Amino acid sequence: LDVRADMQHLIDILMKLLQNAIKYTQEGNVSLNVNVDPTHTMATISVTDTGCGISKEIRRVLFDRFDKMEEFIQGSGMSLTVCQSIIEAMGGKIWLDENYTNGASFIFTLPLYKES
């Protein structure tokens, strides 16, 4: 797919989402899926795991700056905020799938490049 995105930032975002999914999945699996919307204007990318999931309390502050899922795990707590800022700057959106209950599923969109 030819998405409108900075390649290095896209790789960084995917790595952060995949690393988080792997970190919180002791058993089961982590998947990366890419789909194109019917109008061929947006790509939808999801990182889904069968890990421990995310509590309702944490979901409320998930994209807030400096909040962390677990206080004693290494990291600044900024990675999801940074991912959100970069994705939005590239014309997309990111969210946690609230309906997925077998772990966590992060979904983001990016516009597809179309030649004029």
PDB file of N, CA and C in Angstrom:
ATOM      1  N   LEU A   1       0.839  -1.188   0.000  1.00  0.00           N
ATOM      2  CA  LEU A   1       0.000   0.000   0.000  1.00  0.00           C
ATOM      3  C   LEU A   1       0.874   1.237   0.000  1.00  0.00           C
ATOM      4  N   ASP A   2       0.417   2.230  -0.668  1.00  0.00           N
ATOM      5  CA  ASP A   2       1.127   3.494  -0.723  1.00  0.00           C
ATOM      6  C   ASP A   2       0.386   4.485   0.173  1.00  0.00           C
ATOM      7  N   VAL A   3       0.830   4.580   1.431  1.00  0.00           N
ATOM      8  CA  VAL A   3       0.167   5.462   2.382  1.00  0.00           C
ATOM      9  C   VAL A   3       0.893   6.785   2.473  1.00  0.00           C
ATOM     10  N   ARG A   4       0.141   7.811   2.835  1.00  0.00           N
ATOM     11  CA  ARG A   4       0.739   9.127   3.076  1.00  0.00           C
ATOM     12  C   ARG A   4       1.268   9.139   4.502  1.00  0.00           C
ATOM     13  N   ALA A   5       2.527   8.794   4.627  1.00  0.00           N
ATOM     14  CA  ALA A   5       3.114   8.702   5.958  1.00  0.00           C
ATOM     15  C   ALA A   5       4.624   8.819   5.858  1.00  0.00           C
ATOM     16  N   ASP A   6       5.206   9.303   6.920  1.00  0.00           N
ATOM     17  CA  ASP A   6       6.647   9.294   7.039  1.00  0.00           C
ATOM     18  C   ASP A   6       7.040   7.861   7.403  1.00  0.00           C
ATOM     19  N   MET A   7       7.824   7.225   6.566  1.00  0.00           N
ATOM     20  CA  MET A   7       8.139   5.808   6.735  1.00  0.00           C
ATOM     21  C   MET A   7       8.783   5.511   8.089  1.00  0.00           C
ATOM     22  N   GLN A   8       9.738   6.330   8.524  1.00  0.00           N
ATOM     23  CA  GLN A   8      10.395   6.069   9.803  1.00  0.00           C
ATOM     24  C   GLN A   8       9.416   6.189  10.958  1.00  0.00           C
ATOM     25  N   HIS A   9       8.551   7.205  10.916  1.00  0.00           N
ATOM     26  CA  HIS A   9       7.550   7.345  11.975  1.00  0.00           C
ATOM     27  C   HIS A   9       6.582   6.166  11.967  1.00  0.00           C
ATOM     28  N   LEU A  10       6.190   5.717  10.785  1.00  0.00           N
ATOM     29  CA  LEU A  10       5.284   4.577  10.688  1.00  0.00           C
ATOM     30  C   LEU A  10       5.929   3.320  11.280  1.00  0.00           C
ATOM     31  N   ILE A  11       7.187   3.097  10.975  1.00  0.00           N
ATOM     32  CA  ILE A  11       7.907   1.951  11.543  1.00  0.00           C
ATOM     33  C   ILE A  11       7.986   2.081  13.062  1.00  0.00           C
ATOM     34  N   ASP A  12       8.285   3.274  13.565  1.00  0.00           N
ATOM     35  CA  ASP A  12       8.365   3.490  15.012  1.00  0.00           C
ATOM     36  C   ASP A  12       7.030   3.203  15.693  1.00  0.00           C
ATOM     37  N   ILE A  13       5.934   3.657  15.093  1.00  0.00           N
ATOM     38  CA  ILE A  13       4.605   3.431  15.662  1.00  0.00           C
ATOM     39  C   ILE A  13       4.290   1.941  15.688  1.00  0.00           C
ATOM     40  N   LEU A  14       4.534   1.271  14.581  1.00  0.00           N
ATOM     41  CA  LEU A  14       4.280  -0.171  14.541  1.00  0.00           C
ATOM     42  C   LEU A  14       5.130  -0.915  15.560  1.00  0.00           C
ATOM     43  N   MET A  15       6.380  -0.536  15.705  1.00  0.00           N
ATOM     44  CA  MET A  15       7.261  -1.188  16.680  1.00  0.00           C
ATOM     45  C   MET A  15       6.747  -0.963  18.104  1.00  0.00           C
ATOM     46  N   LYS A  16       6.322   0.255  18.429  1.00  0.00           N
ATOM     47  CA  LYS A  16       5.824   0.538  19.775  1.00  0.00           C
ATOM     48  C   LYS A  16       4.568  -0.274  20.069  1.00  0.00           C
ATOM     49  N   LEU A  17       3.634  -0.319  19.117  1.00  0.00           N
ATOM     50  CA  LEU A  17       2.400  -1.071  19.329  1.00  0.00           C
ATOM     51  C   LEU A  17       2.679  -2.570  19.435  1.00  0.00           C
ATOM     52  N   LEU A  18       3.554  -3.078  18.574  1.00  0.00           N
ATOM     53  CA  LEU A  18       3.886  -4.501  18.622  1.00  0.00           C
ATOM     54  C   LEU A  18       4.650  -4.854  19.896  1.00  0.00           C
ATOM     55  N   GLN A  19       5.590  -4.016  20.306  1.00  0.00           N
ATOM     56  CA  GLN A  19       6.343  -4.270  21.538  1.00  0.00           C
ATOM     57  C   GLN A  19       5.415  -4.293  22.749  1.00  0.00           C
ATOM     58  N   ASN A  20       4.468  -3.351  22.811  1.00  0.00           N
ATOM     59  CA  ASN A  20       3.506  -3.346  23.918  1.00  0.00           C
ATOM     60  C   ASN A  20       2.661  -4.612  23.901  1.00  0.00           C
ATOM     61  N   ALA A  21       2.192  -5.004  22.719  1.00  0.00           N
ATOM     62  CA  ALA A  21       1.360  -6.206  22.607  1.00  0.00           C
ATOM     63  C   ALA A  21       2.132  -7.435  23.068  1.00  0.00           C
ATOM     64  N   ILE A  22       3.372  -7.551  22.652  1.00  0.00           N
ATOM     65  CA  ILE A  22       4.198  -8.698  23.043  1.00  0.00           C
ATOM     66  C   ILE A  22       4.481  -8.673  24.548  1.00  0.00           C
ATOM     67  N   LYS A  23       4.761  -7.491  25.083  1.00  0.00           N
ATOM     68  CA  LYS A  23       5.077  -7.356  26.505  1.00  0.00           C
ATOM     69  C   LYS A  23       3.921  -7.838  27.392  1.00  0.00           C
ATOM     70  N   TYR A  24       2.679  -7.581  26.970  1.00  0.00           N
ATOM     71  CA  TYR A  24       1.522  -7.914  27.802  1.00  0.00           C
ATOM     72  C   TYR A  24       0.830  -9.212  27.382  1.00  0.00           C
ATOM     73  N   THR A  25       1.447  -9.985  26.496  1.00  0.00           N
ATOM     74  CA  THR A  25       0.874 -11.259  26.063  1.00  0.00           C
ATOM     75  C   THR A  25       1.803 -12.391  26.502  1.00  0.00           C
ATOM     76  N   GLN A  26       1.468 -13.020  27.609  1.00  0.00           N
ATOM     77  CA  GLN A  26       2.269 -14.136  28.107  1.00  0.00           C
ATOM     78  C   GLN A  26       1.977 -15.409  27.317  1.00  0.00           C
ATOM     79  N   GLU A  27       0.709 -15.621  26.954  1.00  0.00           N
ATOM     80  CA  GLU A  27       0.288 -16.770  26.151  1.00  0.00           C
ATOM     81  C   GLU A  27      -0.647 -16.264  25.066  1.00  0.00           C
ATOM     82  N   GLY A  28      -0.698 -16.986  23.973  1.00  0.00           N
ATOM     83  CA  GLY A  28      -1.577 -16.581  22.881  1.00  0.00           C
ATOM     84  C   GLY A  28      -0.782 -16.002  21.738  1.00  0.00           C
ATOM     85  N   ASN A  29      -1.325 -14.954  21.118  1.00  0.00           N
ATOM     86  CA  ASN A  29      -0.648 -14.421  19.950  1.00  0.00           C
ATOM     87  C   ASN A  29      -0.857 -12.926  19.792  1.00  0.00           C
ATOM     88  N   VAL A  30      -0.052 -12.374  18.905  1.00  0.00           N
ATOM     89  CA  VAL A  30      -0.118 -10.969  18.512  1.00  0.00           C
ATOM     90  C   VAL A  30      -0.262 -10.951  17.002  1.00  0.00           C
ATOM     91  N   SER A  31      -1.180 -10.138  16.499  1.00  0.00           N
ATOM     92  CA  SER A  31      -1.356 -10.074  15.044  1.00  0.00           C
ATOM     93  C   SER A  31      -1.328  -8.633  14.555  1.00  0.00           C
ATOM     94  N   LEU A  32      -0.864  -8.485  13.327  1.00  0.00           N
ATOM     95  CA  LEU A  32      -0.833  -7.212  12.627  1.00  0.00           C
ATOM     96  C   LEU A  32      -1.661  -7.389  11.364  1.00  0.00           C
ATOM     97  N   ASN A  33      -2.674  -6.547  11.187  1.00  0.00           N
ATOM     98  CA  ASN A  33      -3.541  -6.636  10.013  1.00  0.00           C
ATOM     99  C   ASN A  33      -3.628  -5.284   9.325  1.00  0.00           C
ATOM    100  N   VAL A  34      -3.712  -5.326   8.006  1.00  0.00           N
ATOM    101  CA  VAL A  34      -3.858  -4.115   7.203  1.00  0.00           C
ATOM    102  C   VAL A  34      -5.021  -4.316   6.251  1.00  0.00           C
ATOM    103  N   ASN A  35      -5.924  -3.343   6.208  1.00  0.00           N
ATOM    104  CA  ASN A  35      -7.072  -3.377   5.301  1.00  0.00           C
ATOM    105  C   ASN A  35      -7.221  -2.025   4.622  1.00  0.00           C
ATOM    106  N   VAL A  36      -7.911  -2.021   3.506  1.00  0.00           N
ATOM    107  CA  VAL A  36      -8.202  -0.796   2.774  1.00  0.00           C
ATOM    108  C   VAL A  36      -9.708  -0.596   2.783  1.00  0.00           C
ATOM    109  N   ASP A  37     -10.135   0.653   3.020  1.00  0.00           N
ATOM    110  CA  ASP A  37     -11.568   0.917   3.034  1.00  0.00           C
ATOM    111  C   ASP A  37     -12.139   0.795   1.614  1.00  0.00           C
ATOM    112  N   PRO A  38     -13.461   0.628   1.494  1.00  0.00           N
ATOM    113  CA  PRO A  38     -14.086   0.419   0.170  1.00  0.00           C
ATOM    114  C   PRO A  38     -13.843   1.556  -0.823  1.00  0.00           C
ATOM    115  N   THR A  39     -13.611   2.768  -0.337  1.00  0.00           N
ATOM    116  CA  THR A  39     -13.376   3.894  -1.245  1.00  0.00           C
ATOM    117  C   THR A  39     -11.910   4.019  -1.653  1.00  0.00           C
ATOM    118  N   HIS A  40     -11.068   3.166  -1.099  1.00  0.00           N
ATOM    119  CA  HIS A  40      -9.623   3.168  -1.373  1.00  0.00           C
ATOM    120  C   HIS A  40      -8.971   4.508  -1.044  1.00  0.00           C
ATOM    121  N   THR A  41      -9.428   5.129   0.055  1.00  0.00           N
ATOM    122  CA  THR A  41      -8.833   6.385   0.486  1.00  0.00           C
ATOM    123  C   THR A  41      -8.065   6.252   1.796  1.00  0.00           C
ATOM    124  N   MET A  42      -8.373   5.202   2.578  1.00  0.00           N
ATOM    125  CA  MET A  42      -7.730   5.030   3.877  1.00  0.00           C
ATOM    126  C   MET A  42      -7.280   3.585   4.070  1.00  0.00           C
ATOM    127  N   ALA A  43      -6.134   3.443   4.725  1.00  0.00           N
ATOM    128  CA  ALA A  43      -5.674   2.130   5.172  1.00  0.00           C
ATOM    129  C   ALA A  43      -5.980   2.035   6.662  1.00  0.00           C
ATOM    130  N   THR A  44      -6.433   0.873   7.086  1.00  0.00           N
ATOM    131  CA  THR A  44      -6.684   0.621   8.503  1.00  0.00           C
ATOM    132  C   THR A  44      -5.715  -0.454   8.953  1.00  0.00           C
ATOM    133  N   ILE A  45      -4.926  -0.128   9.973  1.00  0.00           N
ATOM    134  CA  ILE A  45      -3.911  -1.038  10.488  1.00  0.00           C
ATOM    135  C   ILE A  45      -4.283  -1.367  11.929  1.00  0.00           C
ATOM    136  N   SER A  46      -4.239  -2.647  12.276  1.00  0.00           N
ATOM    137  CA  SER A  46      -4.552  -3.021  13.656  1.00  0.00           C
ATOM    138  C   SER A  46      -3.456  -3.920  14.220  1.00  0.00           C
ATOM    139  N   VAL A  47      -3.191  -3.721  15.499  1.00  0.00           N
ATOM    140  CA  VAL A  47      -2.304  -4.589  16.260  1.00  0.00           C
ATOM    141  C   VAL A  47      -3.159  -5.154  17.379  1.00  0.00           C
ATOM    142  N   THR A  48      -3.349  -6.467  17.353  1.00  0.00           N
ATOM    143  CA  THR A  48      -4.262  -7.139  18.274  1.00  0.00           C
ATOM    144  C   THR A  48      -3.516  -8.238  19.018  1.00  0.00           C
ATOM    145  N   ASP A  49      -3.810  -8.363  20.313  1.00  0.00           N
ATOM    146  CA  ASP A  49      -3.169  -9.420  21.090  1.00  0.00           C
ATOM    147  C   ASP A  49      -4.197 -10.162  21.934  1.00  0.00           C
ATOM    148  N   THR A  50      -3.767 -11.285  22.470  1.00  0.00           N
ATOM    149  CA  THR A  50      -4.602 -12.079  23.361  1.00  0.00           C
ATOM    150  C   THR A  50      -4.034 -12.014  24.776  1.00  0.00           C
ATOM    151  N   GLY A  51      -3.476 -10.866  25.112  1.00  0.00           N
ATOM    152  CA  GLY A  51      -2.827 -10.681  26.405  1.00  0.00           C
ATOM    153  C   GLY A  51      -3.807 -10.351  27.513  1.00  0.00           C
ATOM    154  N   CYS A  52      -3.302  -9.643  28.516  1.00  0.00           N
ATOM    155  CA  CYS A  52      -4.054  -9.364  29.732  1.00  0.00           C
ATOM    156  C   CYS A  52      -5.146  -8.322  29.551  1.00  0.00           C
ATOM    157  N   GLY A  53      -5.138  -7.609  28.442  1.00  0.00           N
ATOM    158  CA  GLY A  53      -6.153  -6.583  28.226  1.00  0.00           C
ATOM    159  C   GLY A  53      -5.838  -5.304  28.968  1.00  0.00           C
ATOM    160  N   ILE A  54      -6.749  -4.344  28.889  1.00  0.00           N
ATOM    161  CA  ILE A  54      -6.554  -3.037  29.500  1.00  0.00           C
ATOM    162  C   ILE A  54      -7.798  -2.716  30.312  1.00  0.00           C
ATOM    163  N   SER A  55      -7.614  -2.418  31.578  1.00  0.00           N
ATOM    164  CA  SER A  55      -8.749  -2.163  32.465  1.00  0.00           C
ATOM    165  C   SER A  55      -9.494  -0.896  32.044  1.00  0.00           C
ATOM    166  N   LYS A  56     -10.747  -0.795  32.463  1.00  0.00           N
ATOM    167  CA  LYS A  56     -11.566   0.379  32.136  1.00  0.00           C
ATOM    168  C   LYS A  56     -10.962   1.659  32.693  1.00  0.00           C
ATOM    169  N   GLU A  57     -10.337   1.573  33.862  1.00  0.00           N
ATOM    170  CA  GLU A  57      -9.722   2.751  34.467  1.00  0.00           C
ATOM    171  C   GLU A  57      -8.572   3.273  33.596  1.00  0.00           C
ATOM    172  N   ILE A  58      -7.778   2.351  33.099  1.00  0.00           N
ATOM    173  CA  ILE A  58      -6.637   2.744  32.273  1.00  0.00           C
ATOM    174  C   ILE A  58      -7.094   3.204  30.895  1.00  0.00           C
ATOM    175  N   ARG A  59      -8.142   2.599  30.362  1.00  0.00           N
ATOM    176  CA  ARG A  59      -8.659   3.004  29.051  1.00  0.00           C
ATOM    177  C   ARG A  59      -9.005   4.488  29.013  1.00  0.00           C
ATOM    178  N   ARG A  60      -9.505   5.012  30.131  1.00  0.00           N
ATOM    179  CA  ARG A  60      -9.908   6.422  30.174  1.00  0.00           C
ATOM    180  C   ARG A  60      -8.724   7.368  29.982  1.00  0.00           C
ATOM    181  N   VAL A  61      -7.528   6.941  30.386  1.00  0.00           N
ATOM    182  CA  VAL A  61      -6.353   7.819  30.325  1.00  0.00           C
ATOM    183  C   VAL A  61      -5.267   7.283  29.393  1.00  0.00           C
ATOM    184  N   LEU A  62      -5.618   6.307  28.582  1.00  0.00           N
ATOM    185  CA  LEU A  62      -4.647   5.593  27.765  1.00  0.00           C
ATOM    186  C   LEU A  62      -3.801   6.508  26.881  1.00  0.00           C
ATOM    187  N   PHE A  63      -4.406   7.527  26.304  1.00  0.00           N
ATOM    188  CA  PHE A  63      -3.669   8.419  25.410  1.00  0.00           C
ATOM    189  C   PHE A  63      -3.267   9.725  26.096  1.00  0.00           C
ATOM    190  N   ASP A  64      -3.419   9.785  27.423  1.00  0.00           N
ATOM    191  CA  ASP A  64      -2.998  10.969  28.160  1.00  0.00           C
ATOM    192  C   ASP A  64      -1.491  10.935  28.352  1.00  0.00           C
ATOM    193  N   ARG A  65      -0.909  12.081  28.326  1.00  0.00           N
ATOM    194  CA  ARG A  65       0.535  12.198  28.455  1.00  0.00           C
ATOM    195  C   ARG A  65       1.014  11.732  29.833  1.00  0.00           C
ATOM    196  N   PHE A  66       2.053  10.943  29.852  1.00  0.00           N
ATOM    197  CA  PHE A  66       2.752  10.458  31.041  1.00  0.00           C
ATOM    198  C   PHE A  66       1.998   9.397  31.831  1.00  0.00           C
ATOM    199  N   ASP A  67       0.816   8.965  31.398  1.00  0.00           N
ATOM    200  CA  ASP A  67       0.144   7.875  32.095  1.00  0.00           C
ATOM    201  C   ASP A  67       0.697   6.554  31.604  1.00  0.00           C
ATOM    202  N   LYS A  68       0.843   5.606  32.529  1.00  0.00           N
ATOM    203  CA  LYS A  68       1.402   4.301  32.201  1.00  0.00           C
ATOM    204  C   LYS A  68       0.442   3.222  32.674  1.00  0.00           C
ATOM    205  N   MET A  69       0.430   2.101  31.955  1.00  0.00           N
ATOM    206  CA  MET A  69      -0.437   0.995  32.348  1.00  0.00           C
ATOM    207  C   MET A  69      -0.016   0.428  33.693  1.00  0.00           C
ATOM    208  N   GLU A  70       1.282   0.271  33.895  1.00  0.00           N
ATOM    209  CA  GLU A  70       1.784  -0.265  35.151  1.00  0.00           C
ATOM    210  C   GLU A  70       2.909   0.631  35.636  1.00  0.00           C
ATOM    211  N   GLU A  71       2.808   1.048  36.854  1.00  0.00           N
ATOM    212  CA  GLU A  71       3.743   2.014  37.417  1.00  0.00           C
ATOM    213  C   GLU A  71       5.184   1.536  37.433  1.00  0.00           C
ATOM    214  N   PHE A  72       5.407   0.230  37.603  1.00  0.00           N
ATOM    215  CA  PHE A  72       6.768  -0.271  37.789  1.00  0.00           C
ATOM    216  C   PHE A  72       7.396  -0.834  36.527  1.00  0.00           C
ATOM    217  N   ILE A  73       6.764  -0.670  35.384  1.00  0.00           N
ATOM    218  CA  ILE A  73       7.350  -1.129  34.127  1.00  0.00           C
ATOM    219  C   ILE A  73       8.088   0.036  33.486  1.00  0.00           C
ATOM    220  N   GLN A  74       9.271  -0.235  32.977  1.00  0.00           N
ATOM    221  CA  GLN A  74      10.128   0.796  32.405  1.00  0.00           C
ATOM    222  C   GLN A  74       9.443   1.518  31.260  1.00  0.00           C
ATOM    223  N   GLY A  75       9.670   2.816  31.162  1.00  0.00           N
ATOM    224  CA  GLY A  75       9.151   3.628  30.073  1.00  0.00           C
ATOM    225  C   GLY A  75       8.586   4.928  30.605  1.00  0.00           C
ATOM    226  N   SER A  76       8.433   5.889  29.716  1.00  0.00           N
ATOM    227  CA  SER A  76       7.992   7.220  30.126  1.00  0.00           C
ATOM    228  C   SER A  76       6.487   7.360  30.148  1.00  0.00           C
ATOM    229  N   GLY A  77       5.771   6.426  29.544  1.00  0.00           N
ATOM    230  CA  GLY A  77       4.334   6.562  29.451  1.00  0.00           C
ATOM    231  C   GLY A  77       3.907   7.451  28.303  1.00  0.00           C
ATOM    232  N   MET A  78       4.845   7.906  27.492  1.00  0.00           N
ATOM    233  CA  MET A  78       4.531   8.827  26.408  1.00  0.00           C
ATOM    234  C   MET A  78       4.278   8.128  25.080  1.00  0.00           C
ATOM    235  N   SER A  79       4.575   6.874  24.937  1.00  0.00           N
ATOM    236  CA  SER A  79       4.573   6.275  23.610  1.00  0.00           C
ATOM    237  C   SER A  79       3.227   6.334  22.905  1.00  0.00           C
ATOM    238  N   LEU A  80       2.114   6.086  23.600  1.00  0.00           N
ATOM    239  CA  LEU A  80       0.816   6.149  22.934  1.00  0.00           C
ATOM    240  C   LEU A  80       0.419   7.583  22.609  1.00  0.00           C
ATOM    241  N   THR A  81       0.797   8.533  23.450  1.00  0.00           N
ATOM    242  CA  THR A  81       0.537   9.941  23.164  1.00  0.00           C
ATOM    243  C   THR A  81       1.323  10.386  21.936  1.00  0.00           C
ATOM    244  N   VAL A  82       2.581   9.974  21.877  1.00  0.00           N
ATOM    245  CA  VAL A  82       3.416  10.322  20.721  1.00  0.00           C
ATOM    246  C   VAL A  82       2.870   9.665  19.460  1.00  0.00           C
ATOM    247  N   CYS A  83       2.493   8.393  19.548  1.00  0.00           N
ATOM    248  CA  CYS A  83       1.896   7.698  18.397  1.00  0.00           C
ATOM    249  C   CYS A  83       0.661   8.445  17.912  1.00  0.00           C
ATOM    250  N   GLN A  84      -0.196   8.829  18.835  1.00  0.00           N
ATOM    251  CA  GLN A  84      -1.420   9.545  18.478  1.00  0.00           C
ATOM    252  C   GLN A  84      -1.101  10.861  17.775  1.00  0.00           C
ATOM    253  N   SER A  85      -0.166  11.619  18.300  1.00  0.00           N
ATOM    254  CA  SER A  85       0.203  12.907  17.699  1.00  0.00           C
ATOM    255  C   SER A  85       0.741  12.733  16.284  1.00  0.00           C
ATOM    256  N   ILE A  86       1.595  11.747  16.097  1.00  0.00           N
ATOM    257  CA  ILE A  86       2.199  11.518  14.779  1.00  0.00           C
ATOM    258  C   ILE A  86       1.147  11.042  13.785  1.00  0.00           C
ATOM    259  N   ILE A  87       0.306  10.106  14.191  1.00  0.00           N
ATOM    260  CA  ILE A  87      -0.730   9.595  13.293  1.00  0.00           C
ATOM    261  C   ILE A  87      -1.680  10.711  12.889  1.00  0.00           C
ATOM    262  N   GLU A  88      -2.090  11.534  13.845  1.00  0.00           N
ATOM    263  CA  GLU A  88      -2.989  12.641  13.517  1.00  0.00           C
ATOM    264  C   GLU A  88      -2.313  13.655  12.596  1.00  0.00           C
ATOM    265  N   ALA A  89      -1.014  13.890  12.798  1.00  0.00           N
ATOM    266  CA  ALA A  89      -0.279  14.816  11.915  1.00  0.00           C
ATOM    267  C   ALA A  89      -0.198  14.278  10.491  1.00  0.00           C
ATOM    268  N   MET A  90      -0.250  12.947  10.340  1.00  0.00           N
ATOM    269  CA  MET A  90      -0.206  12.337   9.011  1.00  0.00           C
ATOM    270  C   MET A  90      -1.615  12.163   8.421  1.00  0.00           C
ATOM    271  N   GLY A  91      -2.638  12.662   9.127  1.00  0.00           N
ATOM    272  CA  GLY A  91      -3.999  12.623   8.596  1.00  0.00           C
ATOM    273  C   GLY A  91      -4.827  11.430   9.027  1.00  0.00           C
ATOM    274  N   GLY A  92      -4.363  10.693  10.043  1.00  0.00           N
ATOM    275  CA  GLY A  92      -5.088   9.513  10.508  1.00  0.00           C
ATOM    276  C   GLY A  92      -5.630   9.667  11.911  1.00  0.00           C
ATOM    277  N   LYS A  93      -6.127   8.572  12.435  1.00  0.00           N
ATOM    278  CA  LYS A  93      -6.646   8.504  13.797  1.00  0.00           C
ATOM    279  C   LYS A  93      -6.205   7.180  14.416  1.00  0.00           C
ATOM    280  N   ILE A  94      -6.115   7.144  15.746  1.00  0.00           N
ATOM    281  CA  ILE A  94      -5.789   5.910  16.462  1.00  0.00           C
ATOM    282  C   ILE A  94      -6.753   5.762  17.625  1.00  0.00           C
ATOM    283  N   TRP A  95      -7.127   4.507  17.905  1.00  0.00           N
ATOM    284  CA  TRP A  95      -8.011   4.241  19.026  1.00  0.00           C
ATOM    285  C   TRP A  95      -7.830   2.802  19.500  1.00  0.00           C
ATOM    286  N   LEU A  96      -8.353   2.558  20.691  1.00  0.00           N
ATOM    287  CA  LEU A  96      -8.411   1.217  21.252  1.00  0.00           C
ATOM    288  C   LEU A  96      -9.795   0.667  20.945  1.00  0.00           C
ATOM    289  N   ASP A  97      -9.861  -0.536  20.399  1.00  0.00           N
ATOM    290  CA  ASP A  97     -11.149  -1.163  20.100  1.00  0.00           C
ATOM    291  C   ASP A  97     -11.799  -1.563  21.421  1.00  0.00           C
ATOM    292  N   GLU A  98     -12.809  -0.814  21.834  1.00  0.00           N
ATOM    293  CA  GLU A  98     -13.490  -1.040  23.112  1.00  0.00           C
ATOM    294  C   GLU A  98     -14.302  -2.332  23.116  1.00  0.00           C
ATOM    295  N   ASN A  99     -14.643  -2.859  21.937  1.00  0.00           N
ATOM    296  CA  ASN A  99     -15.457  -4.068  21.848  1.00  0.00           C
ATOM    297  C   ASN A  99     -14.639  -5.357  21.912  1.00  0.00           C
ATOM    298  N   TYR A 100     -13.339  -5.258  21.720  1.00  0.00           N
ATOM    299  CA  TYR A 100     -12.472  -6.440  21.751  1.00  0.00           C
ATOM    300  C   TYR A 100     -12.180  -6.795  23.207  1.00  0.00           C
ATOM    301  N   THR A 101     -12.485  -8.022  23.605  1.00  0.00           N
ATOM    302  CA  THR A 101     -12.346  -8.400  25.019  1.00  0.00           C
ATOM    303  C   THR A 101     -11.361  -9.535  25.259  1.00  0.00           C
ATOM    304  N   ASN A 102     -10.642  -9.991  24.235  1.00  0.00           N
ATOM    305  CA  ASN A 102      -9.695 -11.101  24.396  1.00  0.00           C
ATOM    306  C   ASN A 102      -8.263 -10.633  24.587  1.00  0.00           C
ATOM    307  N   GLY A 103      -8.064  -9.409  24.974  1.00  0.00           N
ATOM    308  CA  GLY A 103      -6.747  -8.809  25.113  1.00  0.00           C
ATOM    309  C   GLY A 103      -6.893  -7.333  24.789  1.00  0.00           C
ATOM    310  N   ALA A 104      -6.066  -6.849  23.877  1.00  0.00           N
ATOM    311  CA  ALA A 104      -6.148  -5.451  23.447  1.00  0.00           C
ATOM    312  C   ALA A 104      -6.015  -5.383  21.926  1.00  0.00           C
ATOM    313  N   SER A 105      -6.694  -4.414  21.335  1.00  0.00           N
ATOM    314  CA  SER A 105      -6.602  -4.206  19.891  1.00  0.00           C
ATOM    315  C   SER A 105      -6.542  -2.705  19.615  1.00  0.00           C
ATOM    316  N   PHE A 106      -5.390  -2.262  19.127  1.00  0.00           N
ATOM    317  CA  PHE A 106      -5.209  -0.870  18.741  1.00  0.00           C
ATOM    318  C   PHE A 106      -5.380  -0.774  17.234  1.00  0.00           C
ATOM    319  N   ILE A 107      -6.126   0.214  16.805  1.00  0.00           N
ATOM    320  CA  ILE A 107      -6.420   0.399  15.386  1.00  0.00           C
ATOM    321  C   ILE A 107      -6.046   1.825  15.016  1.00  0.00           C
ATOM    322  N   PHE A 108      -5.422   1.977  13.852  1.00  0.00           N
ATOM    323  CA  PHE A 108      -5.186   3.326  13.357  1.00  0.00           C
ATOM    324  C   PHE A 108      -5.385   3.374  11.858  1.00  0.00           C
ATOM    325  N   THR A 109      -5.671   4.571  11.381  1.00  0.00           N
ATOM    326  CA  THR A 109      -5.881   4.792   9.961  1.00  0.00           C
ATOM    327  C   THR A 109      -4.836   5.746   9.417  1.00  0.00           C
ATOM    328  N   LEU A 110      -4.555   5.602   8.152  1.00  0.00           N
ATOM    329  CA  LEU A 110      -3.692   6.527   7.419  1.00  0.00           C
ATOM    330  C   LEU A 110      -4.256   6.708   6.019  1.00  0.00           C
ATOM    331  N   PRO A 111      -4.199   7.917   5.495  1.00  0.00           N
ATOM    332  CA  PRO A 111      -4.700   8.127   4.136  1.00  0.00           C
ATOM    333  C   PRO A 111      -3.809   7.438   3.110  1.00  0.00           C
ATOM    334  N   LEU A 112      -4.442   6.923   2.081  1.00  0.00           N
ATOM    335  CA  LEU A 112      -3.704   6.327   0.961  1.00  0.00           C
ATOM    336  C   LEU A 112      -3.293   7.436  -0.003  1.00  0.00           C
ATOM    337  N   TYR A 113      -2.163   7.246  -0.638  1.00  0.00           N
ATOM    338  CA  TYR A 113      -1.692   8.195  -1.634  1.00  0.00           C
ATOM    339  C   TYR A 113      -2.367   7.886  -2.948  1.00  0.00           C
ATOM    340  N   LYS A 114      -2.934   8.914  -3.556  1.00  0.00           N
ATOM    341  CA  LYS A 114      -3.541   8.758  -4.881  1.00  0.00           C
ATOM    342  C   LYS A 114      -2.940   9.809  -5.803  1.00  0.00           C
ATOM    343  N   GLU A 115      -2.502   9.344  -6.956  1.00  0.00           N
ATOM    344  CA  GLU A 115      -1.957  10.289  -7.925  1.00  0.00           C
ATOM    345  C   GLU A 115      -3.091  11.092  -8.537  1.00  0.00           C
ATOM    346  N   SER A 116      -2.819  12.354  -8.796  1.00  0.00           N
ATOM    347  CA  SER A 116      -3.835  13.242  -9.378  1.00  0.00           C
ATOM    348  C   SER A 116      -3.993  13.009 -10.860  1.00  0.00           C
TER     349      SER A 116
END
